């Protein structure tokens, strides 16, 4: 988080993971106590088959900076940011999957409740209470 904030801004306004497009999108609010609207789009790297290492290049980031004199980020900063964002994305996906499972469990419980619903008839409802009807008839 501090790696992302240090270079581009103090406040992340929006962090979007575009899973189908293999992209991560950042939008910032503040930098040096000024309101800004900087955006950064990162392409997710392809992980190599040996030890899951990733190869990062400068063309994997597309940025819009408010300041014209803004320095382009160093490759190590891009690497750290992408690795950080990929970790956040993984955590986000896990949280969404857990929420989806929780919703499925709740819906399944509701279906079971609806299938096993048994109405009880009050003893004071003599028209529908079979026991009360029998006693009245005797």
N, C-alpha and C. Protein backbone atom coordinates (compact mmCIF):
# COMPACT_ATOMS: atom_id res chain seq x y z
N UNK A 1 0.83 -1.19 0.00
CA UNK A 1 0.00 0.00 0.00
C UNK A 1 0.87 1.25 0.00
N UNK A 2 1.92 1.27 0.84
CA UNK A 2 2.77 2.45 0.90
C UNK A 2 3.55 2.61 -0.40
N UNK A 3 3.89 1.51 -1.07
CA UNK A 3 4.58 1.60 -2.35
C UNK A 3 3.72 2.26 -3.40
N UNK A 4 2.46 1.97 -3.39
CA UNK A 4 1.54 2.58 -4.34
C UNK A 4 1.37 4.05 -4.02
N UNK A 5 1.14 4.37 -2.76
CA UNK A 5 0.85 5.74 -2.36
C UNK A 5 2.05 6.66 -2.48
N UNK A 6 3.25 6.17 -2.22
CA UNK A 6 4.42 7.02 -2.18
C UNK A 6 4.69 7.70 -3.52
N UNK A 7 4.55 6.98 -4.58
CA UNK A 7 4.91 7.53 -5.89
C UNK A 7 3.77 8.33 -6.52
N UNK A 8 2.56 7.86 -6.42
CA UNK A 8 1.48 8.42 -7.22
C UNK A 8 0.50 9.30 -6.46
N UNK A 9 0.37 9.17 -5.20
CA UNK A 9 -0.59 9.98 -4.48
C UNK A 9 -0.87 9.39 -3.13
N UNK A 10 -1.44 10.21 -2.26
CA UNK A 10 -1.67 9.80 -0.89
C UNK A 10 -2.96 9.02 -0.70
N UNK A 11 -3.88 9.16 -1.61
CA UNK A 11 -5.18 8.56 -1.40
C UNK A 11 -5.65 7.82 -2.65
N UNK A 12 -5.96 6.55 -2.49
CA UNK A 12 -6.51 5.79 -3.62
C UNK A 12 -8.01 5.98 -3.60
N UNK A 13 -8.53 6.58 -4.64
CA UNK A 13 -9.97 6.82 -4.72
C UNK A 13 -10.69 5.58 -5.20
N UNK A 14 -10.09 4.89 -6.14
CA UNK A 14 -10.74 3.73 -6.74
C UNK A 14 -9.68 2.72 -7.16
N UNK A 15 -9.95 1.47 -6.83
CA UNK A 15 -9.07 0.37 -7.22
C UNK A 15 -9.96 -0.67 -7.89
N UNK A 16 -9.75 -0.89 -9.17
CA UNK A 16 -10.61 -1.80 -9.94
C UNK A 16 -9.76 -2.90 -10.54
N UNK A 17 -10.24 -4.13 -10.39
CA UNK A 17 -9.58 -5.28 -10.99
C UNK A 17 -10.43 -5.76 -12.15
N UNK A 18 -9.91 -5.66 -13.35
CA UNK A 18 -10.61 -6.11 -14.54
C UNK A 18 -10.11 -7.52 -14.85
N UNK A 19 -10.78 -8.51 -14.28
CA UNK A 19 -10.30 -9.89 -14.34
C UNK A 19 -10.26 -10.43 -15.75
N UNK A 20 -11.30 -10.19 -16.53
CA UNK A 20 -11.35 -10.72 -17.90
C UNK A 20 -10.30 -10.09 -18.80
N UNK A 21 -9.98 -8.83 -18.55
CA UNK A 21 -9.01 -8.12 -19.39
C UNK A 21 -7.59 -8.21 -18.84
N UNK A 22 -7.42 -8.85 -17.67
CA UNK A 22 -6.10 -8.98 -17.05
C UNK A 22 -5.46 -7.61 -16.79
N UNK A 23 -6.27 -6.68 -16.26
CA UNK A 23 -5.79 -5.33 -15.97
C UNK A 23 -6.16 -4.93 -14.55
N UNK A 24 -5.42 -3.95 -14.02
CA UNK A 24 -5.70 -3.36 -12.72
C UNK A 24 -5.70 -1.85 -12.92
N UNK A 25 -6.69 -1.18 -12.37
CA UNK A 25 -6.88 0.24 -12.61
C UNK A 25 -6.90 0.98 -11.28
N UNK A 26 -6.05 2.02 -11.16
CA UNK A 26 -5.98 2.85 -9.96
C UNK A 26 -6.36 4.29 -10.29
N UNK A 27 -7.12 4.90 -9.41
CA UNK A 27 -7.44 6.31 -9.54
C UNK A 27 -7.13 6.96 -8.19
N UNK A 28 -6.40 8.08 -8.21
CA UNK A 28 -5.97 8.74 -6.98
C UNK A 28 -6.70 10.07 -6.79
N UNK A 29 -6.89 10.45 -5.49
CA UNK A 29 -7.53 11.71 -5.12
C UNK A 29 -6.54 12.80 -4.73
N UNK A 30 -5.57 12.44 -3.91
CA UNK A 30 -4.68 13.44 -3.32
C UNK A 30 -3.23 13.17 -3.63
N UNK A 31 -2.47 14.26 -3.74
CA UNK A 31 -1.02 14.17 -3.84
C UNK A 31 -0.45 15.45 -3.27
N UNK A 32 0.42 15.32 -2.29
CA UNK A 32 1.02 16.48 -1.62
C UNK A 32 -0.05 17.45 -1.14
N UNK A 33 -1.10 16.94 -0.52
CA UNK A 33 -2.21 17.71 0.05
C UNK A 33 -2.96 18.53 -1.00
N UNK A 34 -2.91 18.13 -2.25
CA UNK A 34 -3.68 18.77 -3.33
C UNK A 34 -4.61 17.74 -3.93
N UNK A 35 -5.77 18.20 -4.39
CA UNK A 35 -6.71 17.30 -5.04
C UNK A 35 -6.25 17.08 -6.47
N UNK A 36 -6.17 15.81 -6.85
CA UNK A 36 -5.74 15.44 -8.20
C UNK A 36 -6.68 14.37 -8.74
N UNK A 37 -6.51 14.04 -9.98
CA UNK A 37 -7.25 12.92 -10.56
C UNK A 37 -6.30 12.16 -11.48
N UNK A 38 -5.31 11.54 -10.87
CA UNK A 38 -4.35 10.75 -11.63
C UNK A 38 -4.87 9.33 -11.76
N UNK A 39 -4.61 8.72 -12.90
CA UNK A 39 -5.02 7.34 -13.11
C UNK A 39 -3.83 6.52 -13.59
N UNK A 40 -3.87 5.24 -13.24
CA UNK A 40 -2.81 4.31 -13.65
C UNK A 40 -3.46 2.98 -14.00
N UNK A 41 -3.11 2.48 -15.15
CA UNK A 41 -3.63 1.19 -15.59
C UNK A 41 -2.46 0.23 -15.74
N UNK A 42 -2.55 -0.92 -15.07
CA UNK A 42 -1.48 -1.90 -15.10
C UNK A 42 -1.97 -3.15 -15.81
N UNK A 43 -1.14 -3.68 -16.69
CA UNK A 43 -1.42 -4.98 -17.30
C UNK A 43 -0.84 -6.05 -16.40
N UNK A 44 -1.59 -7.11 -16.19
CA UNK A 44 -1.07 -8.19 -15.36
C UNK A 44 -0.02 -8.97 -16.14
N UNK A 45 1.11 -9.24 -15.52
CA UNK A 45 2.16 -9.99 -16.21
C UNK A 45 1.81 -11.47 -16.26
N UNK A 46 2.40 -12.14 -17.23
CA UNK A 46 2.25 -13.58 -17.33
C UNK A 46 3.31 -14.20 -16.42
N UNK A 47 2.89 -15.10 -15.55
CA UNK A 47 3.84 -15.72 -14.63
C UNK A 47 4.60 -16.82 -15.36
N UNK A 48 5.90 -16.85 -15.12
CA UNK A 48 6.71 -17.91 -15.73
C UNK A 48 6.45 -19.21 -14.99
N UNK A 49 6.76 -20.31 -15.64
CA UNK A 49 6.46 -21.61 -15.07
C UNK A 49 7.41 -22.00 -13.94
N UNK A 50 8.59 -21.40 -13.90
CA UNK A 50 9.53 -21.74 -12.83
C UNK A 50 9.39 -20.76 -11.66
N UNK A 51 8.90 -21.26 -10.55
CA UNK A 51 8.78 -20.53 -9.28
C UNK A 51 7.80 -19.36 -9.33
N UNK A 52 6.97 -19.25 -10.34
CA UNK A 52 5.93 -18.23 -10.38
C UNK A 52 6.45 -16.81 -10.47
N UNK A 53 7.66 -16.61 -10.98
CA UNK A 53 8.19 -15.25 -11.09
C UNK A 53 7.54 -14.52 -12.25
N UNK A 54 7.47 -13.21 -12.13
CA UNK A 54 6.83 -12.41 -13.16
C UNK A 54 7.88 -11.50 -13.81
N UNK A 55 7.66 -11.22 -15.08
CA UNK A 55 8.55 -10.31 -15.80
C UNK A 55 7.79 -9.01 -16.05
N UNK A 56 8.36 -7.91 -15.60
CA UNK A 56 7.72 -6.60 -15.67
C UNK A 56 8.47 -5.73 -16.67
N UNK A 57 7.72 -5.02 -17.51
CA UNK A 57 8.31 -4.05 -18.44
C UNK A 57 7.60 -2.72 -18.28
N UNK A 58 8.22 -1.66 -18.79
CA UNK A 58 7.65 -0.32 -18.66
C UNK A 58 6.34 -0.16 -19.42
N UNK A 59 6.13 -0.95 -20.47
CA UNK A 59 4.89 -0.81 -21.23
C UNK A 59 3.69 -1.48 -20.55
N UNK A 60 3.90 -2.02 -19.36
CA UNK A 60 2.80 -2.65 -18.62
C UNK A 60 2.01 -1.65 -17.80
N UNK A 61 2.42 -0.39 -17.81
CA UNK A 61 1.70 0.65 -17.07
C UNK A 61 1.38 1.80 -18.01
N UNK A 62 0.15 2.26 -17.90
CA UNK A 62 -0.30 3.43 -18.64
C UNK A 62 -0.82 4.42 -17.61
N UNK A 63 -0.30 5.66 -17.64
CA UNK A 63 -0.63 6.62 -16.59
C UNK A 63 -1.13 7.93 -17.17
N UNK A 64 -1.99 8.57 -16.39
CA UNK A 64 -2.36 9.96 -16.65
C UNK A 64 -2.01 10.72 -15.39
N UNK A 65 -1.06 11.65 -15.50
CA UNK A 65 -0.63 12.46 -14.38
C UNK A 65 -1.13 13.89 -14.57
N UNK A 66 -1.55 14.50 -13.48
CA UNK A 66 -2.02 15.89 -13.54
C UNK A 66 -0.85 16.82 -13.83
N UNK A 67 0.27 16.57 -13.18
CA UNK A 67 1.45 17.42 -13.37
C UNK A 67 2.21 17.02 -14.63
N UNK A 68 2.60 17.99 -15.38
CA UNK A 68 3.38 17.71 -16.60
C UNK A 68 4.79 17.25 -16.28
N UNK A 69 5.33 17.77 -15.17
CA UNK A 69 6.71 17.45 -14.81
C UNK A 69 6.81 16.14 -14.03
N UNK A 70 5.75 15.39 -13.92
CA UNK A 70 5.78 14.16 -13.15
C UNK A 70 6.78 13.18 -13.76
N UNK A 71 7.56 12.58 -12.88
CA UNK A 71 8.56 11.63 -13.34
C UNK A 71 7.88 10.32 -13.71
N UNK A 72 8.44 9.65 -14.70
CA UNK A 72 7.92 8.33 -15.00
C UNK A 72 8.45 7.38 -13.94
N UNK A 73 7.66 6.42 -13.52
CA UNK A 73 8.06 5.53 -12.42
C UNK A 73 9.21 4.62 -12.82
N UNK A 74 10.00 4.26 -11.83
CA UNK A 74 11.10 3.33 -12.06
C UNK A 74 10.54 1.93 -12.17
N UNK A 75 11.28 1.08 -12.85
CA UNK A 75 10.85 -0.30 -13.08
C UNK A 75 10.64 -1.05 -11.77
N UNK A 76 11.48 -0.81 -10.77
CA UNK A 76 11.33 -1.51 -9.49
C UNK A 76 10.03 -1.08 -8.80
N UNK A 77 9.67 0.20 -8.94
CA UNK A 77 8.41 0.67 -8.35
C UNK A 77 7.21 0.03 -9.06
N UNK A 78 7.29 -0.06 -10.38
CA UNK A 78 6.20 -0.71 -11.14
C UNK A 78 6.08 -2.16 -10.71
N UNK A 79 7.22 -2.82 -10.57
CA UNK A 79 7.22 -4.23 -10.14
C UNK A 79 6.56 -4.37 -8.77
N UNK A 80 6.99 -3.56 -7.80
CA UNK A 80 6.43 -3.64 -6.44
C UNK A 80 4.94 -3.34 -6.44
N UNK A 81 4.53 -2.36 -7.23
CA UNK A 81 3.12 -1.99 -7.30
C UNK A 81 2.30 -3.12 -7.91
N UNK A 82 2.77 -3.70 -8.99
CA UNK A 82 2.02 -4.78 -9.65
C UNK A 82 1.93 -6.00 -8.73
N UNK A 83 3.02 -6.35 -8.06
CA UNK A 83 2.99 -7.48 -7.14
C UNK A 83 2.01 -7.21 -6.00
N UNK A 84 2.04 -5.98 -5.46
CA UNK A 84 1.12 -5.58 -4.39
C UNK A 84 -0.33 -5.67 -4.88
N UNK A 85 -0.60 -5.14 -6.07
CA UNK A 85 -1.96 -5.16 -6.61
C UNK A 85 -2.44 -6.58 -6.90
N UNK A 86 -1.53 -7.44 -7.37
CA UNK A 86 -1.91 -8.83 -7.63
C UNK A 86 -2.28 -9.54 -6.32
N UNK A 87 -1.57 -9.22 -5.25
CA UNK A 87 -1.92 -9.78 -3.94
C UNK A 87 -3.28 -9.28 -3.47
N UNK A 88 -3.52 -7.98 -3.66
CA UNK A 88 -4.82 -7.42 -3.31
C UNK A 88 -5.94 -8.04 -4.13
N UNK A 89 -5.66 -8.24 -5.42
CA UNK A 89 -6.67 -8.84 -6.30
C UNK A 89 -7.01 -10.25 -5.83
N UNK A 90 -6.01 -11.02 -5.49
CA UNK A 90 -6.23 -12.39 -5.01
C UNK A 90 -7.08 -12.38 -3.74
N UNK A 91 -6.76 -11.47 -2.82
CA UNK A 91 -7.55 -11.35 -1.59
C UNK A 91 -8.98 -10.92 -1.88
N UNK A 92 -9.15 -10.03 -2.83
CA UNK A 92 -10.48 -9.55 -3.22
C UNK A 92 -11.30 -10.68 -3.83
N UNK A 93 -10.69 -11.47 -4.69
CA UNK A 93 -11.39 -12.59 -5.33
C UNK A 93 -11.80 -13.61 -4.26
N UNK A 94 -10.91 -13.89 -3.31
CA UNK A 94 -11.24 -14.83 -2.23
C UNK A 94 -12.41 -14.32 -1.40
N UNK A 95 -12.42 -13.02 -1.10
CA UNK A 95 -13.51 -12.44 -0.33
C UNK A 95 -14.83 -12.53 -1.08
N UNK A 96 -14.80 -12.27 -2.39
CA UNK A 96 -16.01 -12.36 -3.20
C UNK A 96 -16.51 -13.80 -3.25
N UNK A 97 -15.61 -14.75 -3.42
CA UNK A 97 -16.00 -16.17 -3.45
C UNK A 97 -16.62 -16.58 -2.11
N UNK A 98 -16.05 -16.12 -1.01
CA UNK A 98 -16.61 -16.44 0.31
C UNK A 98 -17.99 -15.83 0.47
N UNK A 99 -18.17 -14.60 -0.01
CA UNK A 99 -19.49 -13.96 0.05
C UNK A 99 -20.50 -14.70 -0.81
N UNK A 100 -20.08 -15.13 -1.99
CA UNK A 100 -20.98 -15.89 -2.86
C UNK A 100 -21.41 -17.19 -2.19
N UNK A 101 -20.46 -17.87 -1.52
CA UNK A 101 -20.79 -19.11 -0.82
C UNK A 101 -21.74 -18.85 0.33
N UNK A 102 -21.53 -17.76 1.03
CA UNK A 102 -22.43 -17.40 2.13
C UNK A 102 -23.85 -17.15 1.63
N UNK A 103 -23.97 -16.46 0.51
CA UNK A 103 -25.28 -16.20 -0.08
C UNK A 103 -25.93 -17.52 -0.50
N UNK A 104 -25.15 -18.42 -1.13
CA UNK A 104 -25.70 -19.73 -1.51
C UNK A 104 -26.19 -20.51 -0.29
N UNK A 105 -25.41 -20.46 0.79
CA UNK A 105 -25.81 -21.16 2.02
C UNK A 105 -27.09 -20.57 2.59
N UNK A 106 -27.21 -19.26 2.59
CA UNK A 106 -28.42 -18.61 3.09
C UNK A 106 -29.62 -18.99 2.24
N UNK A 107 -29.46 -18.95 0.91
CA UNK A 107 -30.56 -19.29 0.02
C UNK A 107 -30.95 -20.76 0.17
N UNK A 108 -29.98 -21.64 0.34
CA UNK A 108 -30.29 -23.05 0.54
C UNK A 108 -31.05 -23.26 1.85
N UNK A 109 -30.63 -22.55 2.89
CA UNK A 109 -31.33 -22.63 4.17
C UNK A 109 -32.77 -22.14 4.05
N UNK A 110 -32.97 -21.06 3.30
CA UNK A 110 -34.33 -20.53 3.08
C UNK A 110 -35.18 -21.53 2.31
N UNK A 111 -34.58 -22.18 1.30
CA UNK A 111 -35.33 -23.18 0.54
C UNK A 111 -35.75 -24.34 1.45
N UNK A 112 -34.85 -24.78 2.32
CA UNK A 112 -35.17 -25.86 3.25
C UNK A 112 -36.28 -25.44 4.21
N UNK A 113 -36.21 -24.20 4.67
CA UNK A 113 -37.26 -23.69 5.56
C UNK A 113 -38.61 -23.70 4.85
N UNK A 114 -38.63 -23.25 3.61
CA UNK A 114 -39.88 -23.19 2.86
C UNK A 114 -40.42 -24.59 2.56
N UNK A 115 -39.54 -25.55 2.32
CA UNK A 115 -39.99 -26.91 2.02
C UNK A 115 -40.52 -27.64 3.26
N UNK A 116 -39.98 -27.33 4.40
CA UNK A 116 -40.37 -28.04 5.62
C UNK A 116 -41.29 -27.21 6.51
N UNK A 117 -41.94 -26.23 5.95
CA UNK A 117 -42.83 -25.39 6.74
C UNK A 117 -44.06 -26.19 7.15
N UNK A 118 -44.35 -26.15 8.43
CA UNK A 118 -45.54 -26.81 8.94
C UNK A 118 -46.30 -25.79 9.76
N UNK A 119 -47.51 -25.52 9.34
CA UNK A 119 -48.31 -24.54 10.05
C UNK A 119 -48.95 -25.18 11.26
N UNK A 120 -49.00 -24.43 12.32
CA UNK A 120 -49.70 -24.92 13.51
C UNK A 120 -51.01 -24.16 13.65
N UNK A 121 -52.02 -24.86 14.09
CA UNK A 121 -53.34 -24.26 14.24
C UNK A 121 -53.57 -24.02 15.72
N UNK A 122 -53.99 -22.85 16.03
CA UNK A 122 -54.24 -22.47 17.42
C UNK A 122 -55.38 -23.31 18.00
N UNK A 123 -55.30 -23.59 19.29
CA UNK A 123 -56.37 -24.34 19.94
C UNK A 123 -57.66 -23.52 20.01
N UNK A 124 -57.54 -22.23 19.86
CA UNK A 124 -58.72 -21.36 19.91
C UNK A 124 -59.39 -21.21 18.55
N UNK A 125 -58.75 -21.72 17.49
CA UNK A 125 -59.35 -21.68 16.16
C UNK A 125 -60.14 -22.97 15.98
N UNK A 126 -61.38 -22.94 16.42
CA UNK A 126 -62.19 -24.16 16.44
C UNK A 126 -62.62 -24.59 15.04
N UNK A 127 -62.63 -23.70 14.09
CA UNK A 127 -63.04 -24.07 12.73
C UNK A 127 -61.96 -24.93 12.06
N UNK A 128 -60.69 -24.64 12.31
CA UNK A 128 -59.62 -25.37 11.64
C UNK A 128 -58.92 -26.38 12.54
N UNK A 129 -59.12 -26.33 13.82
CA UNK A 129 -58.45 -27.24 14.73
C UNK A 129 -59.25 -28.55 14.80
N UNK A 130 -58.66 -29.63 14.25
CA UNK A 130 -59.35 -30.92 14.18
C UNK A 130 -59.67 -31.47 15.57
N UNK A 131 -58.77 -31.31 16.51
CA UNK A 131 -59.02 -31.81 17.86
C UNK A 131 -60.21 -31.10 18.49
N UNK A 132 -60.28 -29.79 18.29
CA UNK A 132 -61.41 -29.04 18.84
C UNK A 132 -62.71 -29.45 18.16
N UNK A 133 -62.66 -29.74 16.86
CA UNK A 133 -63.87 -30.17 16.13
C UNK A 133 -64.38 -31.50 16.70
N UNK A 134 -63.46 -32.45 16.92
CA UNK A 134 -63.85 -33.77 17.43
C UNK A 134 -64.47 -33.65 18.81
N UNK A 135 -63.89 -32.84 19.66
CA UNK A 135 -64.41 -32.67 21.03
C UNK A 135 -65.80 -32.03 20.99
N UNK A 136 -65.96 -31.10 20.08
CA UNK A 136 -67.25 -30.42 19.98
C UNK A 136 -68.33 -31.39 19.48
N UNK A 137 -67.95 -32.27 18.56
CA UNK A 137 -68.89 -33.22 18.00
C UNK A 137 -69.26 -34.29 19.02
N UNK A 138 -68.41 -34.61 20.00
CA UNK A 138 -68.68 -35.66 20.98
C UNK A 138 -69.64 -35.22 21.98
